[in-house]
Amino acid sequence: MGTQAQINGQIAALDSADSYCFFLPPELGGDIAANEDRAIAFCNKANSRAPGAKIFPSGFVLSAHWATGPSWVQITGQIDPVQYALSPCDTGGQYDIKAPIGATCVGYKYFVNVIEPELGVYGMRCCQEKADCDVNHSTYGVKRIYGEQYDFSGPRADGPLPLSLQCVSGTLPAGITTPTPSGTDAAPTNLPSTTPIATTSPSGSTQVTSASTTSNKDSSSAASGNSAMIATTAVLATVVALVMA
């Protein structure tokens, strides 16, 4: 089982609010419940404890709140379904040690992972004791499964996503389209990211971080453009002065 999981990238790791993984459909825009047998692990950054895992698309995880118990660890928060092209009409599903087949949370015997694109929330709990990982109430949603320890606060108001309110029988009416992801797949890109990620540490402190990058090439181009503009302005000033004289 360990070899199968390693090959398929089905080993997740839950280390801290700054290092975590949970499961998603293997293809961009996949249905959560329909991929319960073939979901793969995604992490917020490279993690040697989760071999074969992919990296979350930029801006997908909006907040990450860490909690622990006597024999379990957990992370909950908000996601932006658009960044992985998840349908706003997808009410979600549950992943655990039985599905996807061979999946594990490294260092723990059990895990329960719920993703709800309709609400834009997720939860991942890894447990040593089966009783701490409730896998029998997936239809009740994340707030039932993670009990009083959950925290789904983040940059977005609690409740269904705006597009989700327009869903009819699990689909959006004709003419209503979903936004396009900023990336083309689940691989990390070199595009700058300015999406805040709120993380809550075990001590309860909250930090908001954002990353923004500008290449040296772009900076040099901007500087060259400014220099050319200054030179042009000087020439024009000289011509005007000669005419006036």
C-alpha atoms as a PDB file:
ATOM      1  CA  MET A   1       0.000   0.000   0.000  1.00  0.00           C
ATOM      2  CA  GLY A   2       2.836   2.371   0.829  1.00  0.00           C
ATOM      3  CA  THR A   3       4.438   1.854  -2.587  1.00  0.00           C
ATOM      4  CA  GLN A   4       1.125   2.353  -4.391  1.00  0.00           C
ATOM      5  CA  ALA A   5       0.456   5.579  -2.510  1.00  0.00           C
ATOM      6  CA  GLN A   6       3.952   6.881  -3.180  1.00  0.00           C
ATOM      7  CA  ILE A   7       3.671   6.220  -6.914  1.00  0.00           C
ATOM      8  CA  ASN A   8       0.300   7.924  -7.203  1.00  0.00           C
ATOM      9  CA  GLY A   9       1.200  10.935  -5.050  1.00  0.00           C
ATOM     10  CA  GLN A  10      -1.347   9.920  -2.439  1.00  0.00           C
ATOM     11  CA  ILE A  11       0.682  10.643   0.681  1.00  0.00           C
ATOM     12  CA  ALA A  12      -0.338  13.873   2.408  1.00  0.00           C
ATOM     13  CA  ALA A  13       1.512  15.573   5.256  1.00  0.00           C
ATOM     14  CA  LEU A  14       0.041  17.876   7.883  1.00  0.00           C
ATOM     15  CA  ASP A  15       2.937  19.553   9.695  1.00  0.00           C
ATOM     16  CA  SER A  16       1.848  23.094  10.609  1.00  0.00           C
ATOM     17  CA  ALA A  17      -0.098  26.126   9.432  1.00  0.00           C
ATOM     18  CA  ASP A  18       2.865  26.834   7.148  1.00  0.00           C
ATOM     19  CA  SER A  19       3.329  23.296   5.809  1.00  0.00           C
ATOM     20  CA  TYR A  20       0.286  21.252   4.884  1.00  0.00           C
ATOM     21  CA  CYS A  21      -1.286  19.066   2.208  1.00  0.00           C
ATOM     22  CA  PHE A  22      -4.742  17.813   1.342  1.00  0.00           C
ATOM     23  CA  PHE A  23      -6.406  16.049  -1.563  1.00  0.00           C
ATOM     24  CA  LEU A  24      -7.949  17.328  -4.793  1.00  0.00           C
ATOM     25  CA  PRO A  25      -9.111  15.803  -8.082  1.00  0.00           C
ATOM     26  CA  PRO A  26      -6.141  14.972 -10.315  1.00  0.00           C
ATOM     27  CA  GLU A  27      -7.382  17.135 -13.196  1.00  0.00           C
ATOM     28  CA  LEU A  28      -8.181  20.825 -13.290  1.00  0.00           C
ATOM     29  CA  GLY A  29     -11.890  21.357 -12.692  1.00  0.00           C
ATOM     30  CA  GLY A  30     -12.604  17.812 -11.509  1.00  0.00           C
ATOM     31  CA  ASP A  31     -15.687  17.034  -9.441  1.00  0.00           C
ATOM     32  CA  ILE A  32     -14.815  16.444  -5.770  1.00  0.00           C
ATOM     33  CA  ALA A  33     -17.079  13.458  -5.046  1.00  0.00           C
ATOM     34  CA  ALA A  34     -16.603  11.857  -8.464  1.00  0.00           C
ATOM     35  CA  ASN A  35     -12.853  11.678  -7.813  1.00  0.00           C
ATOM     36  CA  GLU A  36     -12.980  10.093  -4.368  1.00  0.00           C
ATOM     37  CA  ASP A  37     -11.158   7.013  -5.680  1.00  0.00           C
ATOM     38  CA  ARG A  38      -8.467   8.871  -7.595  1.00  0.00           C
ATOM     39  CA  ALA A  39      -7.768  12.180  -5.849  1.00  0.00           C
ATOM     40  CA  ILE A  40      -4.121  13.106  -5.291  1.00  0.00           C
ATOM     41  CA  ALA A  41      -2.268  15.099  -2.665  1.00  0.00           C
ATOM     42  CA  PHE A  42      -1.481  18.793  -3.115  1.00  0.00           C
ATOM     43  CA  CYS A  43       0.758  20.800  -0.763  1.00  0.00           C
ATOM     44  CA  ASN A  44       1.339  24.495  -0.200  1.00  0.00           C
ATOM     45  CA  LYS A  45       5.059  23.931  -0.839  1.00  0.00           C
ATOM     46  CA  ALA A  46       7.455  21.106  -1.645  1.00  0.00           C
ATOM     47  CA  ASN A  47       7.431  18.511   1.133  1.00  0.00           C
ATOM     48  CA  SER A  48       9.725  15.478   1.207  1.00  0.00           C
ATOM     49  CA  ARG A  49       7.231  13.734   3.487  1.00  0.00           C
ATOM     50  CA  ALA A  50       4.644  13.840   0.678  1.00  0.00           C
ATOM     51  CA  PRO A  51       6.452  12.382  -2.357  1.00  0.00           C
ATOM     52  CA  GLY A  52       4.664  12.874  -5.645  1.00  0.00           C
ATOM     53  CA  ALA A  53       2.331  15.577  -4.337  1.00  0.00           C
ATOM     54  CA  LYS A  54       1.574  18.591  -6.519  1.00  0.00           C
ATOM     55  CA  ILE A  55       1.622  22.233  -5.428  1.00  0.00           C
ATOM     56  CA  PHE A  56      -1.638  24.139  -4.926  1.00  0.00           C
ATOM     57  CA  PRO A  57      -2.330  26.693  -7.670  1.00  0.00           C
ATOM     58  CA  SER A  58      -1.410  30.230  -6.686  1.00  0.00           C
ATOM     59  CA  GLY A  59      -4.260  31.857  -4.768  1.00  0.00           C
ATOM     60  CA  PHE A  60      -6.189  28.619  -4.237  1.00  0.00           C
ATOM     61  CA  VAL A  61      -5.787  28.478  -0.437  1.00  0.00           C
ATOM     62  CA  LEU A  62      -7.021  31.737   1.086  1.00  0.00           C
ATOM     63  CA  SER A  63      -6.640  30.920   4.790  1.00  0.00           C
ATOM     64  CA  ALA A  64      -5.167  28.149   6.933  1.00  0.00           C
ATOM     65  CA  HIS A  65      -6.038  27.665  10.607  1.00  0.00           C
ATOM     66  CA  TRP A  66      -4.142  25.106  12.648  1.00  0.00           C
ATOM     67  CA  ALA A  67      -5.566  23.140  15.579  1.00  0.00           C
ATOM     68  CA  THR A  68      -4.428  20.113  17.580  1.00  0.00           C
ATOM     69  CA  GLY A  69      -5.833  17.577  20.033  1.00  0.00           C
ATOM     70  CA  PRO A  70      -4.393  14.764  22.166  1.00  0.00           C
ATOM     71  CA  SER A  71      -3.844  12.522  19.121  1.00  0.00           C
ATOM     72  CA  TRP A  72      -4.794  14.586  16.072  1.00  0.00           C
ATOM     73  CA  VAL A  73      -3.814  17.642  14.035  1.00  0.00           C
ATOM     74  CA  GLN A  74      -6.017  19.671  11.755  1.00  0.00           C
ATOM     75  CA  ILE A  75      -6.111  22.535   9.308  1.00  0.00           C
ATOM     76  CA  THR A  76      -9.243  24.328   8.084  1.00  0.00           C
ATOM     77  CA  GLY A  77      -9.917  27.448   6.064  1.00  0.00           C
ATOM     78  CA  GLN A  78     -11.120  29.017   2.853  1.00  0.00           C
ATOM     79  CA  ILE A  79     -10.282  28.258  -0.759  1.00  0.00           C
ATOM     80  CA  ASP A  80     -10.867  30.071  -4.033  1.00  0.00           C
ATOM     81  CA  PRO A  81     -12.389  27.319  -6.232  1.00  0.00           C
ATOM     82  CA  VAL A  82     -11.795  29.405  -9.358  1.00  0.00           C
ATOM     83  CA  GLN A  83      -8.029  28.858  -9.140  1.00  0.00           C
ATOM     84  CA  TYR A  84      -8.504  25.121  -9.779  1.00  0.00           C
ATOM     85  CA  ALA A  85     -11.566  25.617 -11.995  1.00  0.00           C
ATOM     86  CA  LEU A  86     -13.819  23.858  -9.458  1.00  0.00           C
ATOM     87  CA  SER A  87     -17.529  24.302 -10.118  1.00  0.00           C
ATOM     88  CA  PRO A  88     -19.343  26.713  -7.764  1.00  0.00           C
ATOM     89  CA  CYS A  89     -22.236  24.230  -7.916  1.00  0.00           C
ATOM     90  CA  ASP A  90     -20.090  21.380  -6.531  1.00  0.00           C
ATOM     91  CA  THR A  91     -21.369  20.671  -3.014  1.00  0.00           C
ATOM     92  CA  GLY A  92     -18.185  18.747  -2.289  1.00  0.00           C
ATOM     93  CA  GLY A  93     -17.120  15.416  -0.921  1.00  0.00           C
ATOM     94  CA  GLN A  94     -14.873  13.556   1.480  1.00  0.00           C
ATOM     95  CA  TYR A  95     -11.515  11.813   1.161  1.00  0.00           C
ATOM     96  CA  ASP A  96     -10.167   9.384   3.769  1.00  0.00           C
ATOM     97  CA  ILE A  97      -8.014   6.262   4.104  1.00  0.00           C
ATOM     98  CA  LYS A  98     -10.533   4.234   2.086  1.00  0.00           C
ATOM     99  CA  ALA A  99     -10.862   6.651  -0.821  1.00  0.00           C
ATOM    100  CA  PRO A 100      -8.702   7.517  -2.643  1.00  0.00           C
ATOM    101  CA  ILE A 101      -7.335   3.980  -2.565  1.00  0.00           C
ATOM    102  CA  GLY A 102      -3.999   3.811  -0.766  1.00  0.00           C
ATOM    103  CA  ALA A 103      -4.122   7.382   0.510  1.00  0.00           C
ATOM    104  CA  THR A 104      -2.460   8.219   3.829  1.00  0.00           C
ATOM    105  CA  CYS A 105      -1.516  11.126   6.048  1.00  0.00           C
ATOM    106  CA  VAL A 106       2.096  10.471   6.940  1.00  0.00           C
ATOM    107  CA  GLY A 107       2.619   9.673  10.624  1.00  0.00           C
ATOM    108  CA  TYR A 108      -1.064   9.024  11.320  1.00  0.00           C
ATOM    109  CA  LYS A 109      -3.354   6.012  11.000  1.00  0.00           C
ATOM    110  CA  TYR A 110      -6.420   7.913   9.808  1.00  0.00           C
ATOM    111  CA  PHE A 111      -7.434  11.134   8.116  1.00  0.00           C
ATOM    112  CA  VAL A 112     -10.601  12.868   6.977  1.00  0.00           C
ATOM    113  CA  ASN A 113     -10.485  15.566   4.297  1.00  0.00           C
ATOM    114  CA  VAL A 114     -13.555  17.482   3.129  1.00  0.00           C
ATOM    115  CA  ILE A 115     -13.644  19.990   0.251  1.00  0.00           C
ATOM    116  CA  GLU A 116     -16.760  22.099  -0.405  1.00  0.00           C
ATOM    117  CA  PRO A 117     -16.379  24.370  -3.461  1.00  0.00           C
ATOM    118  CA  GLU A 118     -19.959  25.630  -3.064  1.00  0.00           C
ATOM    119  CA  LEU A 119     -18.965  27.247   0.236  1.00  0.00           C
ATOM    120  CA  GLY A 120     -15.309  27.773  -0.645  1.00  0.00           C
ATOM    121  CA  VAL A 121     -14.042  25.890   2.430  1.00  0.00           C
ATOM    122  CA  TYR A 122     -11.860  22.883   3.227  1.00  0.00           C
ATOM    123  CA  GLY A 123     -10.782  20.792   6.202  1.00  0.00           C
ATOM    124  CA  MET A 124      -8.053  18.203   6.742  1.00  0.00           C
ATOM    125  CA  ARG A 125      -7.615  16.246   9.979  1.00  0.00           C
ATOM    126  CA  CYS A 126      -5.076  13.467  10.643  1.00  0.00           C
ATOM    127  CA  CYS A 127      -5.623  11.164  13.634  1.00  0.00           C
ATOM    128  CA  GLN A 128      -4.041   8.325  15.570  1.00  0.00           C
ATOM    129  CA  GLU A 129      -7.421   7.220  16.916  1.00  0.00           C
ATOM    130  CA  LYS A 130     -10.258   6.327  14.564  1.00  0.00           C
ATOM    131  CA  ALA A 131     -12.811   8.011  16.817  1.00  0.00           C
ATOM    132  CA  ASP A 132     -11.132  11.401  16.258  1.00  0.00           C
ATOM    133  CA  CYS A 133     -11.584  11.264  12.481  1.00  0.00           C
ATOM    134  CA  ASP A 134     -15.314  11.233  11.738  1.00  0.00           C
ATOM    135  CA  VAL A 135     -15.719   9.619   8.326  1.00  0.00           C
ATOM    136  CA  ASN A 136     -19.383   8.664   8.713  1.00  0.00           C
ATOM    137  CA  HIS A 137     -21.064  12.051   8.298  1.00  0.00           C
ATOM    138  CA  SER A 138     -19.681  13.404   5.026  1.00  0.00           C
ATOM    139  CA  THR A 139     -23.115  14.663   3.942  1.00  0.00           C
ATOM    140  CA  TYR A 140     -23.266  16.859   7.048  1.00  0.00           C
ATOM    141  CA  GLY A 141     -20.428  19.032   5.763  1.00  0.00           C
ATOM    142  CA  VAL A 142     -17.223  20.389   7.203  1.00  0.00           C
ATOM    143  CA  LYS A 143     -18.689  22.112  10.250  1.00  0.00           C
ATOM    144  CA  ARG A 144     -20.178  18.875  11.566  1.00  0.00           C
ATOM    145  CA  ILE A 145     -17.117  16.759  10.863  1.00  0.00           C
ATOM    146  CA  TYR A 146     -14.583  19.084  12.482  1.00  0.00           C
ATOM    147  CA  GLY A 147     -16.726  20.042  15.452  1.00  0.00           C
ATOM    148  CA  GLU A 148     -15.962  23.073  17.596  1.00  0.00           C
ATOM    149  CA  GLN A 149     -12.312  23.061  16.562  1.00  0.00           C
ATOM    150  CA  TYR A 150     -12.957  24.319  13.022  1.00  0.00           C
ATOM    151  CA  ASP A 151     -12.107  27.831  11.845  1.00  0.00           C
ATOM    152  CA  PHE A 152     -13.276  28.825   8.369  1.00  0.00           C
ATOM    153  CA  SER A 153     -12.601  32.519   8.662  1.00  0.00           C
ATOM    154  CA  GLY A 154     -10.735  34.261   5.875  1.00  0.00           C
ATOM    155  CA  PRO A 155     -10.924  37.136   3.395  1.00  0.00           C
ATOM    156  CA  ARG A 156     -14.391  36.128   2.195  1.00  0.00           C
ATOM    157  CA  ALA A 157     -17.674  36.330   4.099  1.00  0.00           C
ATOM    158  CA  ASP A 158     -19.032  33.049   5.469  1.00  0.00           C
ATOM    159  CA  GLY A 159     -21.663  31.315   3.365  1.00  0.00           C
ATOM    160  CA  PRO A 160     -22.179  30.097  -0.215  1.00  0.00           C
ATOM    161  CA  LEU A 161     -20.157  31.762  -2.950  1.00  0.00           C
ATOM    162  CA  PRO A 162     -22.104  34.348  -4.983  1.00  0.00           C
ATOM    163  CA  LEU A 163     -22.126  32.141  -8.097  1.00  0.00           C
ATOM    164  CA  SER A 164     -23.285  29.176  -6.018  1.00  0.00           C
ATOM    165  CA  LEU A 165     -26.525  31.000  -5.246  1.00  0.00           C
ATOM    166  CA  GLN A 166     -27.352  30.947  -8.963  1.00  0.00           C
ATOM    167  CA  CYS A 167     -26.955  27.177  -9.359  1.00  0.00           C
ATOM    168  CA  VAL A 168     -30.048  25.237 -10.439  1.00  0.00           C
ATOM    169  CA  SER A 169     -30.048  21.447  -9.980  1.00  0.00           C
ATOM    170  CA  GLY A 170     -26.284  21.423  -9.655  1.00  0.00           C
ATOM    171  CA  THR A 171     -25.463  23.562 -12.697  1.00  0.00           C
ATOM    172  CA  LEU A 172     -25.292  27.219 -13.652  1.00  0.00           C
ATOM    173  CA  PRO A 173     -28.025  28.474 -16.001  1.00  0.00           C
ATOM    174  CA  ALA A 174     -27.079  29.101 -19.626  1.00  0.00           C
ATOM    175  CA  GLY A 175     -25.246  32.361 -20.138  1.00  0.00           C
ATOM    176  CA  ILE A 176     -23.641  32.417 -16.696  1.00  0.00           C
ATOM    177  CA  THR A 177     -19.945  31.594 -16.822  1.00  0.00           C
ATOM    178  CA  THR A 178     -17.297  31.090 -14.176  1.00  0.00           C
ATOM    179  CA  PRO A 179     -14.084  33.148 -13.998  1.00  0.00           C
ATOM    180  CA  THR A 180     -10.965  31.731 -15.618  1.00  0.00           C
ATOM    181  CA  PRO A 181      -8.142  30.463 -13.359  1.00  0.00           C
ATOM    182  CA  SER A 182      -5.058  32.666 -13.321  1.00  0.00           C
ATOM    183  CA  GLY A 183      -2.936  29.569 -14.150  1.00  0.00           C
ATOM    184  CA  THR A 184      -3.430  26.813 -16.715  1.00  0.00           C
ATOM    185  CA  ASP A 185      -2.841  23.855 -14.383  1.00  0.00           C
ATOM    186  CA  ALA A 186      -1.940  22.875 -10.850  1.00  0.00           C
ATOM    187  CA  ALA A 187       1.803  23.388 -11.264  1.00  0.00           C
ATOM    188  CA  PRO A 188       3.519  26.382  -9.654  1.00  0.00           C
ATOM    189  CA  THR A 189       4.080  29.293 -12.005  1.00  0.00           C
ATOM    190  CA  ASN A 190       6.449  32.267 -12.155  1.00  0.00           C
ATOM    191  CA  LEU A 191       3.578  34.732 -12.170  1.00  0.00           C
ATOM    192  CA  PRO A 192       3.567  37.234  -9.267  1.00  0.00           C
ATOM    193  CA  SER A 193       1.078  36.456  -6.517  1.00  0.00           C
ATOM    194  CA  THR A 194      -0.499  39.087  -4.287  1.00  0.00           C
ATOM    195  CA  THR A 195      -3.252  36.969  -2.756  1.00  0.00           C
ATOM    196  CA  PRO A 196      -3.144  37.254   1.077  1.00  0.00           C
ATOM    197  CA  ILE A 197      -2.954  33.966   2.947  1.00  0.00           C
ATOM    198  CA  ALA A 198      -4.127  34.117   6.551  1.00  0.00           C
ATOM    199  CA  THR A 199      -2.473  31.502   8.745  1.00  0.00           C
ATOM    200  CA  THR A 200      -3.214  30.806  12.378  1.00  0.00           C
ATOM    201  CA  SER A 201      -0.475  29.137  14.385  1.00  0.00           C
ATOM    202  CA  PRO A 202      -0.970  26.789  17.376  1.00  0.00           C
ATOM    203  CA  SER A 203      -0.465  29.790  19.668  1.00  0.00           C
ATOM    204  CA  GLY A 204      -3.502  31.435  18.127  1.00  0.00           C
ATOM    205  CA  SER A 205      -1.663  34.337  16.520  1.00  0.00           C
ATOM    206  CA  THR A 206      -2.734  35.280  13.006  1.00  0.00           C
ATOM    207  CA  GLN A 207      -0.391  36.424  10.288  1.00  0.00           C
ATOM    208  CA  VAL A 208      -1.278  37.737   6.852  1.00  0.00           C
ATOM    209  CA  THR A 209       1.374  37.442   4.205  1.00  0.00           C
ATOM    210  CA  SER A 210       1.523  38.260   0.517  1.00  0.00           C
ATOM    211  CA  ALA A 211       4.166  37.782  -2.119  1.00  0.00           C
ATOM    212  CA  SER A 212       4.866  40.018  -5.065  1.00  0.00           C
ATOM    213  CA  THR A 213       7.766  39.779  -7.458  1.00  0.00           C
ATOM    214  CA  THR A 214       9.067  41.932 -10.290  1.00  0.00           C
ATOM    215  CA  SER A 215      11.802  40.628 -12.559  1.00  0.00           C
ATOM    216  CA  ASN A 216      15.039  42.572 -13.081  1.00  0.00           C
ATOM    217  CA  LYS A 217      14.300  42.545 -16.793  1.00  0.00           C
ATOM    218  CA  ASP A 218      11.030  44.377 -16.259  1.00  0.00           C
ATOM    219  CA  SER A 219      12.723  46.882 -13.944  1.00  0.00           C
ATOM    220  CA  SER A 220      15.483  47.527 -16.491  1.00  0.00           C
ATOM    221  CA  SER A 221      12.935  48.009 -19.280  1.00  0.00           C
ATOM    222  CA  ALA A 222      11.041  50.526 -17.170  1.00  0.00           C
ATOM    223  CA  ALA A 223      14.245  52.399 -16.355  1.00  0.00           C
ATOM    224  CA  SER A 224      15.254  52.507 -20.041  1.00  0.00           C
ATOM    225  CA  GLY A 225      11.841  53.825 -20.990  1.00  0.00           C
ATOM    226  CA  ASN A 226      12.094  56.613 -18.401  1.00  0.00           C
ATOM    227  CA  SER A 227      15.548  57.597 -19.651  1.00  0.00           C
ATOM    228  CA  ALA A 228      14.329  57.802 -23.260  1.00  0.00           C
ATOM    229  CA  MET A 229      11.394  59.981 -22.210  1.00  0.00           C
ATOM    230  CA  ILE A 230      13.672  62.365 -20.327  1.00  0.00           C
ATOM    231  CA  ALA A 231      16.019  62.687 -23.331  1.00  0.00           C
ATOM    232  CA  THR A 232      13.119  63.369 -25.703  1.00  0.00           C
ATOM    233  CA  THR A 233      11.752  66.053 -23.392  1.00  0.00           C
ATOM    234  CA  ALA A 234      15.156  67.788 -23.293  1.00  0.00           C
ATOM    235  CA  VAL A 235      15.406  67.883 -27.102  1.00  0.00           C
ATOM    236  CA  LEU A 236      11.918  69.351 -27.439  1.00  0.00           C
ATOM    237  CA  ALA A 237      12.735  72.032 -24.871  1.00  0.00           C
ATOM    238  CA  THR A 238      15.845  73.029 -26.850  1.00  0.00           C
ATOM    239  CA  VAL A 239      13.887  73.322 -30.123  1.00  0.00           C
ATOM    240  CA  VAL A 240      11.205  75.474 -28.499  1.00  0.00           C
ATOM    241  CA  ALA A 241      13.859  77.770 -27.046  1.00  0.00           C
ATOM    242  CA  LEU A 242      15.482  78.276 -30.473  1.00  0.00           C
ATOM    243  CA  VAL A 243      12.122  79.066 -32.101  1.00  0.00           C
ATOM    244  CA  MET A 244      11.244  81.599 -29.423  1.00  0.00           C
ATOM    245  CA  ALA A 245      14.629  83.272 -29.846  1.00  0.00           C
END
